[in-house]
Amino acid sequence: MRSHRPLVAAFVALVPLTMAACGGDDEPTGDAPRFCAEATAHQNAIVDPPIVDEAGLEATLDFYRVMGELAPIAIAAEWNQLVVNLETAAALEPGNPESEQLVAATAYATEPAAYAVQVWLRRNCGLEIPITTIAPHEFVPAVTTSVAPPSTTAPAG
């Protein structure tokens, strides 16, 4: 598989320019109803992208980029972090510890973005997208139980 590192560098460099150019009069872009419709129609491409070869990888990246253009302002930055995460993973050089570490660090760093997108899709589109994260993102209160104190009577004897 060829390296996608130049693509990632170009994408990262062009994101601010693209966002500025698409914004028109500095108005947020995005199309929440279409974003919801596309996310619902292509749920499998989000949950289990068909990345088995170079063509599947490119199709997945293209889909995520288009969704980034449609993403409502509330999650546009988070969705685009997911795009960068995929691009970083696509540039993985197996056996290269630095490349592998970059992919792992990027995946970990984008967990909050994945969680924000998941919550937004559930609340605004009624769409459940499972995600796997290393750290929990919702506060889960500790469960406490009461245990009876040990008996203080002396053993018979």
N, C-alpha and C. Protein backbone atom coordinates (compact mmCIF):
# COMPACT_ATOMS: atom_id res chain seq x y z
N MET A 1 0.86 -1.18 0.00
CA MET A 1 0.00 0.00 0.00
C MET A 1 0.90 1.23 0.00
N ARG A 2 0.60 2.17 -0.83
CA ARG A 2 1.43 3.37 -0.92
C ARG A 2 1.21 4.27 0.29
N SER A 3 2.19 5.12 0.55
CA SER A 3 2.10 6.02 1.70
C SER A 3 1.17 7.18 1.39
N HIS A 4 0.35 7.52 2.34
CA HIS A 4 -0.57 8.65 2.19
C HIS A 4 -0.09 9.86 2.98
N ARG A 5 1.17 9.81 3.45
CA ARG A 5 1.71 10.90 4.27
C ARG A 5 1.60 12.25 3.57
N PRO A 6 1.97 12.38 2.26
CA PRO A 6 1.82 13.69 1.61
C PRO A 6 0.37 14.16 1.60
N LEU A 7 -0.56 13.24 1.45
CA LEU A 7 -1.98 13.59 1.46
C LEU A 7 -2.38 14.17 2.81
N VAL A 8 -1.91 13.54 3.88
CA VAL A 8 -2.25 14.02 5.22
C VAL A 8 -1.68 15.41 5.44
N ALA A 9 -0.41 15.61 5.06
CA ALA A 9 0.22 16.92 5.24
C ALA A 9 -0.52 17.98 4.44
N ALA A 10 -0.89 17.65 3.22
CA ALA A 10 -1.62 18.61 2.38
C ALA A 10 -2.98 18.91 2.98
N PHE A 11 -3.66 17.87 3.46
CA PHE A 11 -4.98 18.07 4.03
C PHE A 11 -4.91 18.98 5.26
N VAL A 12 -3.96 18.69 6.14
CA VAL A 12 -3.83 19.49 7.36
C VAL A 12 -3.52 20.94 7.01
N ALA A 13 -2.70 21.15 5.99
CA ALA A 13 -2.35 22.52 5.60
C ALA A 13 -3.52 23.24 4.94
N LEU A 14 -4.37 22.50 4.24
CA LEU A 14 -5.45 23.13 3.49
C LEU A 14 -6.74 23.30 4.27
N VAL A 15 -6.90 22.60 5.38
CA VAL A 15 -8.16 22.68 6.13
C VAL A 15 -8.53 24.11 6.48
N PRO A 16 -7.62 24.92 7.07
CA PRO A 16 -8.02 26.29 7.41
C PRO A 16 -8.41 27.10 6.17
N LEU A 17 -7.69 26.90 5.07
CA LEU A 17 -8.02 27.64 3.85
C LEU A 17 -9.37 27.21 3.29
N THR A 18 -9.61 25.91 3.30
CA THR A 18 -10.88 25.40 2.78
C THR A 18 -12.04 25.89 3.62
N MET A 19 -11.89 25.85 4.93
CA MET A 19 -12.97 26.30 5.80
C MET A 19 -13.24 27.78 5.60
N ALA A 20 -12.19 28.56 5.43
CA ALA A 20 -12.37 29.99 5.21
C ALA A 20 -13.03 30.24 3.86
N ALA A 21 -12.62 29.49 2.85
CA ALA A 21 -13.17 29.70 1.51
C ALA A 21 -14.63 29.27 1.42
N CYS A 22 -14.99 28.20 2.12
CA CYS A 22 -16.36 27.71 2.04
C CYS A 22 -17.32 28.51 2.89
N GLY A 23 -16.81 29.29 3.79
CA GLY A 23 -17.66 29.98 4.73
C GLY A 23 -18.38 31.17 4.16
N GLY A 24 -18.03 31.62 2.96
CA GLY A 24 -18.71 32.77 2.40
C GLY A 24 -18.47 34.00 3.23
N ASP A 25 -19.51 34.48 3.89
CA ASP A 25 -19.41 35.68 4.73
C ASP A 25 -19.12 35.30 6.17
N ASP A 26 -18.20 34.39 6.36
CA ASP A 26 -17.85 33.89 7.68
C ASP A 26 -19.04 33.22 8.38
N GLU A 27 -20.02 32.81 7.60
CA GLU A 27 -21.16 32.08 8.15
C GLU A 27 -20.80 30.60 8.22
N PRO A 28 -21.27 29.93 9.26
CA PRO A 28 -21.00 28.50 9.34
C PRO A 28 -21.61 27.76 8.16
N THR A 29 -20.94 26.73 7.72
CA THR A 29 -21.48 25.90 6.65
C THR A 29 -21.98 24.60 7.27
N GLY A 30 -22.59 23.79 6.47
CA GLY A 30 -23.10 22.51 6.95
C GLY A 30 -24.57 22.39 6.62
N ASP A 31 -25.03 21.18 6.63
CA ASP A 31 -26.41 20.89 6.29
C ASP A 31 -26.86 19.74 7.20
N ALA A 32 -27.35 20.10 8.37
CA ALA A 32 -27.71 19.09 9.38
C ALA A 32 -28.73 18.07 8.87
N PRO A 33 -29.82 18.49 8.20
CA PRO A 33 -30.77 17.47 7.73
C PRO A 33 -30.13 16.49 6.74
N ARG A 34 -29.33 17.01 5.83
CA ARG A 34 -28.68 16.11 4.86
C ARG A 34 -27.62 15.26 5.55
N PHE A 35 -26.90 15.86 6.50
CA PHE A 35 -25.90 15.10 7.26
C PHE A 35 -26.57 13.91 7.95
N CYS A 36 -27.71 14.16 8.60
CA CYS A 36 -28.45 13.08 9.26
C CYS A 36 -28.91 12.03 8.25
N ALA A 37 -29.44 12.49 7.13
CA ALA A 37 -29.92 11.56 6.11
C ALA A 37 -28.79 10.70 5.57
N GLU A 38 -27.65 11.32 5.28
CA GLU A 38 -26.50 10.57 4.75
C GLU A 38 -25.93 9.63 5.81
N ALA A 39 -25.86 10.09 7.05
CA ALA A 39 -25.34 9.23 8.12
C ALA A 39 -26.25 8.02 8.31
N THR A 40 -27.55 8.23 8.24
CA THR A 40 -28.50 7.13 8.38
C THR A 40 -28.40 6.17 7.21
N ALA A 41 -28.34 6.73 6.00
CA ALA A 41 -28.28 5.90 4.80
C ALA A 41 -26.96 5.12 4.69
N HIS A 42 -25.91 5.68 5.25
CA HIS A 42 -24.58 5.06 5.12
C HIS A 42 -24.00 4.68 6.49
N GLN A 43 -24.86 4.26 7.38
CA GLN A 43 -24.42 3.91 8.73
C GLN A 43 -23.30 2.87 8.70
N ASN A 44 -23.42 1.87 7.83
CA ASN A 44 -22.38 0.84 7.77
C ASN A 44 -21.03 1.40 7.36
N ALA A 45 -21.02 2.41 6.50
CA ALA A 45 -19.76 3.02 6.09
C ALA A 45 -19.10 3.77 7.24
N ILE A 46 -19.90 4.18 8.22
CA ILE A 46 -19.36 4.87 9.39
C ILE A 46 -18.91 3.85 10.43
N VAL A 47 -19.73 2.85 10.69
CA VAL A 47 -19.46 1.88 11.74
C VAL A 47 -18.39 0.86 11.32
N ASP A 48 -18.49 0.36 10.10
CA ASP A 48 -17.59 -0.69 9.62
C ASP A 48 -17.19 -0.38 8.18
N PRO A 49 -16.31 0.61 7.98
CA PRO A 49 -15.97 1.02 6.62
C PRO A 49 -15.36 -0.13 5.83
N PRO A 50 -15.70 -0.21 4.55
CA PRO A 50 -15.21 -1.31 3.70
C PRO A 50 -13.76 -1.09 3.25
N ILE A 51 -12.84 -1.12 4.19
CA ILE A 51 -11.43 -0.87 3.87
C ILE A 51 -10.71 -2.21 3.76
N VAL A 52 -10.77 -2.80 2.57
CA VAL A 52 -10.06 -4.06 2.34
C VAL A 52 -8.96 -3.88 1.30
N ASP A 53 -9.00 -2.76 0.60
CA ASP A 53 -7.98 -2.49 -0.41
C ASP A 53 -7.87 -0.97 -0.59
N GLU A 54 -6.99 -0.56 -1.49
CA GLU A 54 -6.76 0.86 -1.74
C GLU A 54 -8.04 1.57 -2.19
N ALA A 55 -8.83 0.92 -3.03
CA ALA A 55 -10.08 1.54 -3.52
C ALA A 55 -11.06 1.75 -2.37
N GLY A 56 -11.17 0.78 -1.48
CA GLY A 56 -12.06 0.91 -0.33
C GLY A 56 -11.60 2.01 0.61
N LEU A 57 -10.28 2.11 0.78
CA LEU A 57 -9.72 3.16 1.61
C LEU A 57 -10.03 4.54 1.03
N GLU A 58 -9.80 4.71 -0.26
CA GLU A 58 -10.07 6.00 -0.90
C GLU A 58 -11.55 6.35 -0.86
N ALA A 59 -12.42 5.35 -1.08
CA ALA A 59 -13.86 5.60 -1.02
C ALA A 59 -14.28 6.02 0.39
N THR A 60 -13.71 5.38 1.40
CA THR A 60 -14.03 5.73 2.78
C THR A 60 -13.56 7.14 3.10
N LEU A 61 -12.34 7.48 2.70
CA LEU A 61 -11.83 8.84 2.93
C LEU A 61 -12.69 9.87 2.21
N ASP A 62 -13.08 9.57 0.97
CA ASP A 62 -13.95 10.50 0.22
C ASP A 62 -15.28 10.69 0.93
N PHE A 63 -15.88 9.59 1.40
CA PHE A 63 -17.15 9.67 2.12
C PHE A 63 -17.01 10.53 3.37
N TYR A 64 -15.97 10.29 4.16
CA TYR A 64 -15.77 11.07 5.38
C TYR A 64 -15.54 12.55 5.07
N ARG A 65 -14.85 12.84 3.98
CA ARG A 65 -14.62 14.24 3.61
C ARG A 65 -15.93 14.92 3.20
N VAL A 66 -16.75 14.24 2.42
CA VAL A 66 -18.05 14.80 2.03
C VAL A 66 -18.91 15.03 3.27
N MET A 67 -18.91 14.06 4.17
CA MET A 67 -19.67 14.23 5.41
C MET A 67 -19.13 15.41 6.21
N GLY A 68 -17.83 15.65 6.13
CA GLY A 68 -17.23 16.80 6.80
C GLY A 68 -17.75 18.11 6.25
N GLU A 69 -18.02 18.15 4.95
CA GLU A 69 -18.60 19.35 4.33
C GLU A 69 -20.05 19.55 4.75
N LEU A 70 -20.75 18.45 4.98
CA LEU A 70 -22.16 18.53 5.39
C LEU A 70 -22.34 18.71 6.89
N ALA A 71 -21.32 18.38 7.65
CA ALA A 71 -21.44 18.38 9.11
C ALA A 71 -21.90 19.73 9.62
N PRO A 72 -22.89 19.74 10.50
CA PRO A 72 -23.34 20.99 11.11
C PRO A 72 -22.23 21.58 11.96
N ILE A 73 -22.27 22.88 12.12
CA ILE A 73 -21.22 23.59 12.84
C ILE A 73 -20.99 23.01 14.24
N ALA A 74 -22.02 22.46 14.85
CA ALA A 74 -21.90 21.92 16.21
C ALA A 74 -20.90 20.78 16.30
N ILE A 75 -20.70 20.04 15.20
CA ILE A 75 -19.75 18.92 15.22
C ILE A 75 -18.80 18.93 14.03
N ALA A 76 -18.74 20.01 13.28
CA ALA A 76 -17.87 20.05 12.10
C ALA A 76 -16.41 19.83 12.47
N ALA A 77 -15.94 20.50 13.49
CA ALA A 77 -14.53 20.34 13.89
C ALA A 77 -14.26 18.91 14.34
N GLU A 78 -15.20 18.35 15.08
CA GLU A 78 -15.03 16.98 15.58
C GLU A 78 -15.03 15.98 14.42
N TRP A 79 -15.95 16.17 13.48
CA TRP A 79 -15.99 15.25 12.33
C TRP A 79 -14.69 15.34 11.55
N ASN A 80 -14.18 16.54 11.36
CA ASN A 80 -12.94 16.68 10.61
C ASN A 80 -11.75 16.11 11.37
N GLN A 81 -11.82 16.03 12.69
CA GLN A 81 -10.79 15.32 13.45
C GLN A 81 -10.83 13.82 13.12
N LEU A 82 -12.04 13.30 12.90
CA LEU A 82 -12.16 11.90 12.52
C LEU A 82 -11.56 11.66 11.14
N VAL A 83 -11.72 12.63 10.24
CA VAL A 83 -11.11 12.53 8.91
C VAL A 83 -9.59 12.46 9.05
N VAL A 84 -9.03 13.35 9.85
CA VAL A 84 -7.58 13.35 10.06
C VAL A 84 -7.14 12.02 10.68
N ASN A 85 -7.93 11.49 11.59
CA ASN A 85 -7.62 10.20 12.20
C ASN A 85 -7.54 9.11 11.13
N LEU A 86 -8.52 9.07 10.23
CA LEU A 86 -8.51 8.08 9.15
C LEU A 86 -7.33 8.29 8.22
N GLU A 87 -7.04 9.53 7.89
CA GLU A 87 -5.91 9.81 7.01
C GLU A 87 -4.59 9.39 7.66
N THR A 88 -4.48 9.61 8.95
CA THR A 88 -3.27 9.20 9.66
C THR A 88 -3.15 7.68 9.65
N ALA A 89 -4.25 6.99 9.89
CA ALA A 89 -4.24 5.53 9.86
C ALA A 89 -3.92 5.02 8.45
N ALA A 90 -4.41 5.72 7.43
CA ALA A 90 -4.14 5.31 6.05
C ALA A 90 -2.66 5.44 5.70
N ALA A 91 -1.97 6.33 6.39
CA ALA A 91 -0.55 6.55 6.13
C ALA A 91 0.34 5.62 6.96
N LEU A 92 -0.25 4.72 7.72
CA LEU A 92 0.51 3.82 8.58
C LEU A 92 1.57 3.07 7.79
N GLU A 93 2.76 3.03 8.33
CA GLU A 93 3.84 2.23 7.78
C GLU A 93 4.05 1.06 8.73
N PRO A 94 3.46 -0.10 8.43
CA PRO A 94 3.58 -1.24 9.34
C PRO A 94 5.05 -1.56 9.64
N GLY A 95 5.32 -1.82 10.90
CA GLY A 95 6.68 -2.13 11.31
C GLY A 95 7.51 -0.91 11.67
N ASN A 96 6.99 0.28 11.38
CA ASN A 96 7.69 1.52 11.72
C ASN A 96 7.14 2.00 13.05
N PRO A 97 7.92 1.91 14.13
CA PRO A 97 7.41 2.28 15.46
C PRO A 97 6.90 3.72 15.54
N GLU A 98 7.56 4.65 14.86
CA GLU A 98 7.10 6.05 14.91
C GLU A 98 5.75 6.20 14.23
N SER A 99 5.58 5.54 13.09
CA SER A 99 4.31 5.59 12.37
C SER A 99 3.21 4.95 13.20
N GLU A 100 3.51 3.80 13.78
CA GLU A 100 2.52 3.11 14.61
C GLU A 100 2.14 3.94 15.83
N GLN A 101 3.11 4.60 16.44
CA GLN A 101 2.83 5.45 17.59
C GLN A 101 1.97 6.65 17.20
N LEU A 102 2.26 7.24 16.03
CA LEU A 102 1.46 8.38 15.56
C LEU A 102 0.01 7.97 15.35
N VAL A 103 -0.21 6.80 14.76
CA VAL A 103 -1.58 6.32 14.54
C VAL A 103 -2.28 6.11 15.89
N ALA A 104 -1.59 5.48 16.83
CA ALA A 104 -2.19 5.23 18.15
C ALA A 104 -2.47 6.55 18.87
N ALA A 105 -1.53 7.47 18.84
CA ALA A 105 -1.72 8.76 19.52
C ALA A 105 -2.85 9.56 18.89
N THR A 106 -2.96 9.52 17.57
CA THR A 106 -4.03 10.24 16.88
C THR A 106 -5.38 9.62 17.23
N ALA A 107 -5.45 8.30 17.24
CA ALA A 107 -6.70 7.63 17.60
C ALA A 107 -7.12 8.01 19.02
N TYR A 108 -6.18 7.99 19.94
CA TYR A 108 -6.49 8.35 21.32
C TYR A 108 -6.92 9.82 21.42
N ALA A 109 -6.22 10.69 20.71
CA ALA A 109 -6.53 12.13 20.77
C ALA A 109 -7.88 12.46 20.17
N THR A 110 -8.37 11.64 19.25
CA THR A 110 -9.65 11.93 18.61
C THR A 110 -10.83 11.23 19.28
N GLU A 111 -10.58 10.51 20.37
CA GLU A 111 -11.70 9.87 21.08
C GLU A 111 -12.78 10.85 21.51
N PRO A 112 -12.43 12.01 22.09
CA PRO A 112 -13.48 12.96 22.46
C PRO A 112 -14.30 13.41 21.25
N ALA A 113 -13.66 13.55 20.10
CA ALA A 113 -14.39 13.94 18.88
C ALA A 113 -15.36 12.84 18.47
N ALA A 114 -14.91 11.59 18.51
CA ALA A 114 -15.78 10.47 18.15
C ALA A 114 -16.97 10.41 19.09
N TYR A 115 -16.73 10.64 20.37
CA TYR A 115 -17.82 10.62 21.34
C TYR A 115 -18.80 11.77 21.07
N ALA A 116 -18.29 12.96 20.78
CA ALA A 116 -19.16 14.11 20.50
C ALA A 116 -20.03 13.85 19.27
N VAL A 117 -19.44 13.25 18.24
CA VAL A 117 -20.21 12.92 17.03
C VAL A 117 -21.26 11.88 17.36
N GLN A 118 -20.88 10.87 18.13
CA GLN A 118 -21.84 9.83 18.50
C GLN A 118 -23.04 10.43 19.24
N VAL A 119 -22.78 11.29 20.21
CA VAL A 119 -23.85 11.91 20.99
C VAL A 119 -24.72 12.78 20.09
N TRP A 120 -24.11 13.57 19.21
CA TRP A 120 -24.87 14.45 18.33
C TRP A 120 -25.76 13.63 17.41
N LEU A 121 -25.23 12.56 16.83
CA LEU A 121 -26.03 11.71 15.94
C LEU A 121 -27.20 11.09 16.68
N ARG A 122 -26.98 10.66 17.91
CA ARG A 122 -28.06 10.05 18.69
C ARG A 122 -29.14 11.09 19.01
N ARG A 123 -28.73 12.27 19.45
CA ARG A 123 -29.69 13.29 19.87
C ARG A 123 -30.41 13.95 18.70
N ASN A 124 -29.73 14.15 17.59
CA ASN A 124 -30.30 14.93 16.50
C ASN A 124 -30.79 14.11 15.32
N CYS A 125 -30.29 12.90 15.19
CA CYS A 125 -30.68 12.06 14.05
C CYS A 125 -31.36 10.78 14.49
N GLY A 126 -31.34 10.50 15.79
CA GLY A 126 -31.89 9.24 16.28
C GLY A 126 -31.07 8.04 15.83
N LEU A 127 -29.78 8.26 15.58
CA LEU A 127 -28.91 7.22 15.04
C LEU A 127 -27.91 6.78 16.10
N GLU A 128 -27.88 5.49 16.36
CA GLU A 128 -26.93 4.94 17.33
C GLU A 128 -25.71 4.43 16.58
N ILE A 129 -24.57 5.04 16.87
CA ILE A 129 -23.31 4.64 16.27
C ILE A 129 -22.42 4.15 17.41
N PRO A 130 -22.11 2.86 17.44
CA PRO A 130 -21.24 2.38 18.52
C PRO A 130 -19.81 2.85 18.29
N ILE A 131 -19.15 3.22 19.36
CA ILE A 131 -17.73 3.56 19.28
C ILE A 131 -17.01 2.81 20.39
N THR A 132 -15.75 2.58 20.17
CA THR A 132 -14.90 1.95 21.18
C THR A 132 -13.88 2.98 21.59
N THR A 133 -13.80 3.24 22.86
CA THR A 133 -12.83 4.21 23.36
C THR A 133 -12.01 3.59 24.47
N ILE A 134 -10.87 4.19 24.71
CA ILE A 134 -10.00 3.71 25.76
C ILE A 134 -10.50 4.19 27.12
N ALA A 135 -10.90 5.43 27.18
CA ALA A 135 -11.36 6.02 28.43
C ALA A 135 -12.84 6.37 28.33
N PRO A 136 -13.60 6.20 29.41
CA PRO A 136 -15.01 6.58 29.37
C PRO A 136 -15.16 8.09 29.23
N HIS A 137 -16.21 8.52 28.55
CA HIS A 137 -16.43 9.95 28.34
C HIS A 137 -17.62 10.47 29.11
N GLU A 138 -18.43 9.59 29.66
CA GLU A 138 -19.55 10.01 30.50
C GLU A 138 -19.23 9.64 31.93
N PHE A 139 -19.63 10.50 32.84
CA PHE A 139 -19.43 10.21 34.25
C PHE A 139 -20.32 9.05 34.65
N VAL A 140 -19.72 8.05 35.23
CA VAL A 140 -20.47 6.91 35.74
C VAL A 140 -20.23 6.88 37.25
N PRO A 141 -21.29 7.14 38.03
CA PRO A 141 -21.09 7.16 39.48
C PRO A 141 -20.69 5.78 40.00
N ALA A 142 -19.89 5.80 41.03
CA ALA A 142 -19.45 4.55 41.65
C ALA A 142 -20.64 3.87 42.31
N VAL A 143 -20.66 2.58 42.27
CA VAL A 143 -21.70 1.81 42.93
C VAL A 143 -21.14 1.39 44.28
N THR A 144 -21.88 1.73 45.31
CA THR A 144 -21.44 1.35 46.65
C THR A 144 -22.42 0.35 47.24
N THR A 145 -21.89 -0.51 48.05
CA THR A 145 -22.75 -1.47 48.74
C THR A 145 -22.39 -1.43 50.22
N SER A 146 -23.34 -1.78 51.03
CA SER A 146 -23.11 -1.84 52.47
C SER A 146 -22.78 -3.27 52.83
N VAL A 147 -21.74 -3.42 53.59
CA VAL A 147 -21.35 -4.75 54.05
C VAL A 147 -21.47 -4.75 55.57
N ALA A 148 -22.10 -5.77 56.09
CA ALA A 148 -22.26 -5.87 57.55
C ALA A 148 -20.89 -6.01 58.19
N PRO A 149 -20.69 -5.34 59.32
CA PRO A 149 -19.39 -5.46 60.00
C PRO A 149 -19.20 -6.88 60.52
N PRO A 150 -17.97 -7.29 60.67
CA PRO A 150 -17.73 -8.65 61.16
C PRO A 150 -18.22 -8.79 62.60
N SER A 151 -18.56 -9.98 62.96
CA SER A 151 -19.04 -10.26 64.31
C SER A 151 -17.92 -10.01 65.30
N THR A 152 -18.26 -9.40 66.44
CA THR A 152 -17.25 -9.08 67.46
C THR A 152 -17.31 -10.04 68.64
N THR A 153 -18.11 -11.05 68.55
CA THR A 153 -18.19 -12.00 69.66
C THR A 153 -17.01 -12.95 69.57
N ALA A 154 -16.55 -13.34 70.73
CA ALA A 154 -15.41 -14.25 70.80
C ALA A 154 -15.86 -15.66 70.44
N PRO A 155 -15.01 -16.38 69.78
CA PRO A 155 -15.39 -17.76 69.43
C PRO A 155 -15.58 -18.62 70.70
N ALA A 156 -16.49 -19.56 70.61
CA ALA A 156 -16.77 -20.44 71.75
C ALA A 156 -15.55 -21.28 72.04
N GLY A 157 -15.33 -21.44 73.32
CA GLY A 157 -14.26 -22.25 73.51
C GLY A 157 -13.54 -22.59 74.61
